[in-house]
Protein backbone atom coordinates (compact mmCIF):
# COMPACT_ATOMS: atom_id res chain seq x y z
CA MET A 1 141.43 111.64 104.76
CA PHE A 2 138.64 109.12 104.28
CA VAL A 3 137.29 110.01 107.68
CA ILE A 4 136.91 113.64 107.10
CA LEU A 5 135.35 113.50 103.49
CA ALA A 6 132.69 110.93 104.83
CA SER A 7 131.98 112.98 107.67
CA LEU A 8 131.57 115.82 105.25
CA THR A 9 129.46 114.24 103.10
CA LEU A 10 127.35 112.91 105.79
CA CYS A 11 126.57 116.49 106.76
CA ALA A 12 126.23 118.04 103.33
CA GLN A 13 122.49 116.32 103.89
CA ASN A 14 119.97 117.09 106.09
CA THR A 15 117.68 115.10 107.98
CA TYR A 16 113.92 115.91 108.73
CA VAL A 17 111.36 114.50 110.78
CA PHE A 18 108.19 115.36 110.77
CA PHE A 19 105.81 114.87 113.28
CA GLY A 20 101.92 114.82 113.19
CA SER A 21 99.40 115.11 116.42
CA PHE A 22 96.18 115.01 118.14
CA ASN A 23 95.90 118.34 118.86
CA HIS A 24 92.11 118.85 119.14
CA ASP A 25 92.29 122.45 118.43
CA LYS A 26 92.96 123.61 115.32
CA GLU A 27 94.48 126.86 116.78
CA SER A 28 97.39 124.74 118.29
CA GLU A 29 100.07 123.06 116.98
CA GLY A 30 99.58 120.38 114.39
CA ILE A 31 102.41 119.16 112.68
CA TYR A 32 105.91 119.86 113.46
CA VAL A 33 109.39 119.44 111.54
CA TYR A 34 112.66 118.92 113.10
CA GLN A 35 116.05 118.41 112.14
CA LEU A 36 117.64 114.99 112.83
CA ASP A 37 121.64 115.09 113.91
CA PRO A 38 123.18 112.23 111.77
CA LEU A 39 125.52 111.44 114.29
CA LYS A 40 124.08 111.91 117.96
CA GLY A 41 120.64 111.55 117.03
CA LYS A 42 119.50 114.88 118.73
CA LEU A 43 116.34 116.91 117.69
CA SER A 44 115.96 120.48 116.84
CA LYS A 45 113.17 122.26 115.91
CA VAL A 46 112.26 123.79 112.53
CA THR A 47 109.05 124.82 111.75
CA SER A 48 105.24 123.75 112.99
CA VAL A 49 101.57 124.27 111.24
CA LYS A 50 98.89 125.55 112.96
CA GLY A 51 95.00 125.28 111.72
CA VAL A 52 94.94 121.71 110.60
CA LEU A 53 93.03 119.08 113.01
CA ASN A 54 93.97 115.84 114.62
CA PRO A 55 97.03 115.24 111.72
CA SER A 56 97.06 111.67 113.28
CA PHE A 57 98.84 110.45 110.07
CA LEU A 58 101.80 111.62 107.65
CA THR A 59 103.18 110.25 104.54
CA LEU A 60 105.57 111.92 102.19
CA SER A 61 105.65 112.19 98.51
CA HIS A 62 108.53 109.89 96.75
CA ASP A 63 110.51 113.14 96.04
CA GLY A 64 109.39 114.63 99.34
CA ASN A 65 108.50 117.91 98.30
CA TYR A 66 105.00 117.13 99.28
CA LEU A 67 103.74 116.21 102.85
CA PHE A 68 100.03 114.43 102.88
CA SER A 69 98.45 114.38 106.83
CA CYS A 70 94.84 112.52 107.10
CA THR A 71 92.81 114.51 109.82
CA GLU A 72 90.78 112.11 112.23
CA SER A 73 87.38 113.00 113.16
CA LYS A 74 84.84 111.12 114.83
CA THR A 75 81.80 112.75 113.06
CA LYS A 76 80.48 111.28 110.00
CA ASN A 77 82.29 112.17 107.14
CA ALA A 78 84.07 115.10 108.82
CA GLY A 79 87.57 113.51 107.73
CA SER A 80 89.78 114.78 105.80
CA VAL A 81 93.21 114.77 103.80
CA SER A 82 95.58 117.85 103.57
CA SER A 83 98.56 118.63 101.28
CA PHE A 84 101.86 120.57 102.61
CA GLU A 85 104.80 121.66 100.53
CA PHE A 86 108.24 121.15 102.27
CA ASN A 87 111.08 123.29 101.36
CA PRO A 88 114.16 122.36 102.63
CA GLU A 89 116.07 125.42 101.88
CA LYS A 90 113.53 127.40 103.20
CA ARG A 91 113.20 125.03 105.96
CA SER A 92 108.91 125.84 105.65
CA LEU A 93 105.96 123.49 105.27
CA THR A 94 103.28 125.56 103.66
CA PHE A 95 99.28 124.42 103.26
CA ILE A 96 98.24 123.65 99.48
CA ASN A 97 94.64 122.14 100.26
CA SER A 98 92.56 119.48 101.30
CA GLN A 99 89.88 117.30 100.67
CA LYS A 100 86.85 114.98 102.19
CA SER A 101 88.26 111.74 103.06
CA GLY A 102 85.33 109.83 101.96
CA GLY A 103 84.27 108.64 105.22
CA GLU A 104 84.79 108.66 109.06
CA ASN A 105 88.05 108.18 111.03
CA PRO A 106 90.84 108.52 107.98
CA VAL A 107 93.73 106.52 109.43
CA TYR A 108 96.28 106.16 106.89
CA LEU A 109 97.90 107.13 104.27
CA ALA A 110 99.73 105.96 101.07
CA ALA A 111 101.87 107.76 98.26
CA HIS A 112 102.45 106.05 94.90
CA GLN A 113 106.04 106.55 93.87
CA ASN A 114 104.89 108.39 90.22
CA GLY A 115 103.86 111.26 92.35
CA LYS A 116 99.99 110.85 90.61
CA TRP A 117 98.06 109.32 93.50
CA LEU A 118 97.38 109.28 97.30
CA VAL A 119 95.29 106.69 98.89
CA ASN A 120 93.63 106.54 102.52
CA GLY A 121 92.13 104.23 104.55
CA ASN A 122 88.99 105.12 106.80
CA TYR A 123 88.91 103.33 109.84
CA THR A 124 85.61 103.13 111.57
CA GLU A 125 83.01 102.41 108.92
CA GLY A 126 85.75 100.57 106.84
CA SER A 127 86.28 101.84 103.39
CA THR A 128 89.23 102.93 101.24
CA SER A 129 89.92 106.31 98.72
CA VAL A 130 92.00 107.06 95.64
CA TYR A 131 92.76 111.14 95.20
CA PRO A 132 94.70 112.65 91.63
CA ILE A 133 97.83 114.28 92.68
CA LEU A 134 98.72 117.51 90.47
CA GLU A 135 101.96 118.23 89.81
CA ASN A 136 101.61 121.17 92.07
CA GLY A 137 100.92 118.53 94.95
CA PHE A 138 97.32 119.37 94.90
CA ILE A 139 94.89 116.81 96.04
CA GLN A 140 92.00 116.58 93.59
CA PRO A 141 88.47 114.79 94.88
CA TYR A 142 88.73 111.53 95.03
CA VAL A 143 88.06 109.31 91.85
CA GLN A 144 87.05 106.24 94.19
CA ASN A 145 85.67 105.50 97.33
CA ILE A 146 85.16 101.50 98.24
CA GLN A 147 83.15 100.96 100.92
CA PHE A 148 83.34 97.35 102.82
CA SER A 149 80.67 96.27 105.67
CA GLU A 150 81.24 92.56 106.90
CA GLY A 151 83.20 92.27 110.72
CA SER A 152 84.44 89.10 112.49
CA VAL A 153 84.15 87.17 115.65
CA ASN A 154 84.62 89.92 118.41
CA PRO A 155 81.34 91.72 118.50
CA ASP A 156 83.00 94.56 120.28
CA ARG A 157 85.73 95.42 118.17
CA GLN A 158 84.85 93.29 114.79
CA ASP A 159 81.01 94.71 114.31
CA ARG A 160 82.37 95.44 111.12
CA ALA A 161 84.94 96.46 108.56
CA HIS A 162 87.88 98.76 110.05
CA ILE A 163 90.51 99.51 107.29
CA HIS A 164 93.53 100.34 109.20
CA SER A 165 95.96 101.13 106.63
CA THR A 166 96.95 101.20 102.56
CA VAL A 167 100.27 99.81 101.64
CA PHE A 168 101.53 99.36 98.11
CA SER A 169 103.15 96.49 97.23
CA PRO A 170 107.07 96.95 96.21
CA ASP A 171 106.54 97.41 92.30
CA PHE A 172 103.27 99.60 93.25
CA LYS A 173 101.09 97.52 91.07
CA TYR A 174 99.21 95.98 94.21
CA LEU A 175 97.06 97.57 97.10
CA PHE A 176 96.85 95.74 100.25
CA LEU A 177 94.40 96.66 102.69
CA PRO A 178 94.46 95.55 106.34
CA ASP A 179 91.25 95.22 107.46
CA LEU A 180 91.19 95.15 111.53
CA GLY A 181 87.21 94.34 111.54
CA ALA A 182 87.08 91.66 109.34
CA ASP A 183 90.17 90.05 110.19
CA LYS A 184 91.12 89.92 106.33
CA ILE A 185 94.18 91.70 104.30
CA ARG A 186 91.99 93.12 101.13
CA THR A 187 93.98 92.94 97.97
CA TYR A 188 93.41 95.07 94.80
CA ALA A 189 95.02 95.66 91.47
CA PHE A 190 96.15 98.98 91.04
CA GLY A 191 96.56 100.50 87.49
CA SER A 192 98.46 103.88 87.90
CA ASP A 193 97.27 105.03 84.28
CA LYS A 194 93.48 104.55 85.00
CA LYS A 195 90.90 106.54 86.07
CA GLU A 196 89.46 104.20 88.61
CA PRO A 197 92.87 102.94 89.48
CA LEU A 198 91.66 100.13 91.99
CA THR A 199 90.24 96.87 90.24
CA GLU A 200 89.91 93.53 91.76
CA THR A 201 91.91 90.81 91.88
CA GLU A 202 91.33 87.14 91.56
CA THR A 203 92.67 86.51 95.17
CA SER A 204 90.55 89.17 96.96
CA PHE A 205 91.81 89.06 100.43
CA THR A 206 94.12 86.96 102.53
CA GLN A 207 92.29 85.48 105.93
CA ALA A 208 93.78 86.09 109.07
CA THR A 209 93.24 84.36 112.03
CA PRO A 210 89.55 85.18 113.63
CA GLY A 211 89.90 87.84 116.16
CA SER A 212 93.67 88.99 115.15
CA GLY A 213 92.54 92.69 114.08
CA PRO A 214 95.00 93.09 111.33
CA ARG A 215 96.31 96.52 111.71
CA HIS A 216 99.92 97.53 109.79
CA PHE A 217 101.90 95.99 107.01
CA THR A 218 105.25 96.27 105.41
CA PHE A 219 107.41 94.51 103.05
CA HIS A 220 110.75 93.12 103.09
CA PRO A 221 113.47 95.38 100.98
CA ASN A 222 113.75 91.91 98.76
CA GLY A 223 110.23 92.23 97.67
CA LYS A 224 109.97 88.16 98.75
CA PHE A 225 108.25 88.39 102.32
CA ALA A 226 105.12 90.48 103.62
CA TYR A 227 104.47 91.19 107.71
CA CYS A 228 101.16 92.22 108.86
CA ILE A 229 101.33 93.31 112.62
CA GLU A 230 97.63 92.51 114.36
CA GLU A 231 96.48 94.90 117.03
CA MET A 232 93.88 92.19 118.85
CA GLY A 233 96.43 89.36 118.22
CA GLY A 234 99.64 90.36 119.48
CA ALA A 235 101.03 88.67 116.91
CA VAL A 236 102.93 89.51 113.48
CA SER A 237 101.99 87.37 110.55
CA VAL A 238 104.74 86.34 107.98
CA TYR A 239 103.85 85.79 104.28
CA GLN A 240 105.83 84.75 101.66
CA TYR A 241 104.47 87.20 98.90
CA GLU A 242 104.37 87.10 94.96
CA ASN A 243 102.81 88.99 92.12
CA GLY A 244 99.95 90.13 94.55
CA LYS A 245 99.44 87.04 96.40
CA LEU A 246 100.55 86.12 99.79
CA GLU A 247 101.01 82.98 101.48
CA PRO A 248 101.28 82.55 105.01
CA ILE A 249 104.66 80.87 106.57
CA GLN A 250 104.66 82.08 110.48
CA ARG A 251 102.66 83.55 113.00
CA ILE A 252 104.71 84.41 116.20
CA ASN A 253 103.97 86.80 119.23
CA THR A 254 104.72 90.56 119.36
CA HIS A 255 104.71 89.66 123.48
CA SER A 256 106.85 88.43 126.08
CA GLU A 257 105.14 85.24 128.19
CA LYS A 258 104.14 87.72 130.84
CA PHE A 259 101.93 89.51 128.63
CA LYS A 260 98.64 86.99 128.59
CA ASP A 261 96.01 89.29 126.93
CA ASP A 262 94.55 93.20 125.92
CA PHE A 263 97.04 93.18 123.41
CA GLU A 264 97.31 96.59 121.77
CA SER A 265 100.01 95.64 119.01
CA SER A 266 99.93 98.68 116.56
CA ASP A 267 103.25 99.82 114.16
CA VAL A 268 105.55 97.28 112.04
CA HIS A 269 108.74 98.24 110.13
CA ILE A 270 112.01 96.50 108.68
CA SER A 271 115.29 97.84 109.08
CA PRO A 272 116.99 99.28 105.75
CA ASP A 273 119.55 96.10 105.63
CA GLY A 274 116.73 93.94 105.77
CA ARG A 275 118.03 92.18 109.07
CA TYR A 276 115.66 92.63 111.74
CA LEU A 277 111.99 93.29 112.06
CA TYR A 278 110.72 95.74 114.89
CA ALA A 279 107.10 95.85 116.25
CA SER A 280 105.70 98.32 119.02
CA ASN A 281 103.31 97.17 121.73
CA ARG A 282 100.88 99.51 123.75
CA GLY A 283 98.73 99.09 126.40
CA ASN A 284 100.48 97.36 128.86
CA GLU A 285 103.52 96.75 127.35
CA ASN A 286 104.60 99.94 125.98
CA ASN A 287 107.68 98.39 124.38
CA ILE A 288 108.86 97.54 120.96
CA ALA A 289 109.34 93.86 120.31
CA ILE A 290 112.69 93.21 118.49
CA PHE A 291 113.18 89.93 115.75
CA SER A 292 115.47 88.48 113.70
CA ILE A 293 114.49 88.33 110.01
CA GLN A 294 115.94 84.50 108.65
CA ASN A 295 117.18 84.05 105.17
CA ASP A 296 113.34 82.02 104.32
CA GLY A 297 111.93 85.53 105.89
CA THR A 298 110.51 83.65 109.00
CA LEU A 299 111.01 85.72 112.42
CA LYS A 300 113.30 84.92 115.54
CA THR A 301 112.47 86.60 118.53
CA VAL A 302 115.49 88.75 119.94
CA GLY A 303 113.93 90.53 122.96
CA TYR A 304 111.79 93.58 123.86
CA GLN A 305 112.88 96.87 124.92
CA SER A 306 110.69 100.29 126.29
CA THR A 307 110.23 103.11 124.04
CA LYS A 308 110.37 104.81 126.79
CA GLY A 309 107.10 106.68 126.75
CA ILE A 310 103.60 105.50 126.81
CA HIS A 311 101.46 104.16 123.66
CA PRO A 312 103.90 103.70 121.06
CA ARG A 313 101.55 104.18 118.30
CA VAL A 314 103.66 104.91 115.33
CA PHE A 315 108.00 104.72 114.86
CA THR A 316 110.17 104.91 111.93
CA ILE A 317 113.38 104.11 111.19
CA ASP A 318 115.20 106.70 109.29
CA SER A 319 117.34 105.64 105.37
CA THR A 320 120.47 104.91 107.26
CA GLY A 321 119.53 102.25 109.70
CA ASN A 322 120.73 104.26 112.42
CA PHE A 323 118.08 105.81 114.24
CA LEU A 324 114.22 104.64 115.22
CA ILE A 325 111.80 107.36 116.07
CA VAL A 326 108.77 106.60 118.34
CA ALA A 327 105.81 108.81 118.94
CA HIS A 328 104.04 108.58 121.94
CA PRO A 329 100.81 110.45 121.99
CA VAL A 330 99.54 109.50 125.76
CA SER A 331 102.73 110.47 127.22
CA GLY A 332 103.19 113.53 124.55
CA THR A 333 106.74 112.38 123.72
CA ALA A 334 109.09 111.71 120.57
CA VAL A 335 112.08 109.30 121.67
CA VAL A 336 115.13 108.95 119.62
CA PHE A 337 116.92 105.33 119.67
CA LYS A 338 120.17 104.61 118.70
CA ARG A 339 120.35 101.34 116.45
CA ASN A 340 122.80 98.59 116.74
CA ALA A 341 122.86 97.42 113.10
CA GLU A 342 124.61 94.07 114.12
CA THR A 343 122.96 93.58 117.38
CA GLY A 344 119.46 95.15 116.58
CA LEU A 345 119.10 96.49 120.25
CA LEU A 346 118.18 100.19 120.84
CA LYS A 347 119.61 102.99 122.80
CA LYS A 348 117.87 106.18 123.99
CA VAL A 349 119.28 109.54 122.97
CA GLU A 350 116.62 112.13 122.71
CA LYS A 351 113.43 112.54 123.70
CA VAL A 352 111.45 115.69 123.03
CA LYS A 353 108.00 116.59 124.34
CA LEU A 354 105.38 117.08 121.66
CA GLU A 355 101.85 117.10 123.09
CA GLY A 356 99.71 114.13 121.47
CA VAL A 357 102.34 113.36 118.70
CA SER A 358 101.05 110.48 116.86
CA THR A 359 102.91 109.69 114.05
CA VAL A 360 106.56 110.45 112.74
CA GLN A 361 108.51 110.30 109.00
CA VAL A 362 111.80 110.82 108.23
CA ARG A 363 113.39 111.59 105.45
CA LYS A 364 116.78 112.53 104.12
CA TYR A 365 117.15 115.74 101.43
């Protein structure tokens, strides 16, 4: 009886997967919605949206009602952020509005838990913009646009600041901005009740290893540790975290010994149970590095597994921790892996063809 009830409860909720892509043409599909089979990990298409150019990164509002995308463009000031309403009952995704990104090449979005704020990072010239969000999901023009300038030691890649992600602290009181160009993780206090939420903190940044190129950033579920993947250094830096301050405690390679240079490390996520960290490597590797997380927050290498595609730019883990889903823009494939909760290892269960697919989000409704 228990098994039957558990199965019915599992199937009562639907899990949807949202993919964005480099479509390079508003006439072709840019955002796709699929349903994920909670038992087998198979994907079935629900709907898609045209009329949006290069929606390369997506994020969901905390209630799941709205999907936000940033539309990359290498034309100066041509980037934008857009809002869509998702209705799980109608299985529909409807465009609401868009606003200028305040800079070139927006690459990352973060939504505040109160539903009233959206933050984006503009990569090319290195800035971040903050937008008020209305109750109907409408994005208002940005109220802050903070520009950074200084670069770092690599003249080819770090001639100036390059903000690559915008990540809220677990309590949403701080915002962290990994800056690939400056080798810094920038920190701001976030006052959600203020007209201009971002204010400088006493410690305005954490210095990363010179030439490492901080890219994406995540917190441990217990809120005590933070992890930054470094695109150019091919490593994950581990930090102890408290009240907006990061204290470095470890730096560990995301690559095996056979790869010595030209790293293209990309994305980083932790399993919901807090036991394993996953880091994706593009370029010559096209794999995911798997680490077990120790009690003190440090990482221990478990191994490396192929992502079964080319250029694993972004991946995500569903809320149950059962599945890990990878987006490969170069091979144009999305791959679903079944995750072993005990060993942390991955087993491919599904692959779908999606031209230019670059990002993925998943949510249970």
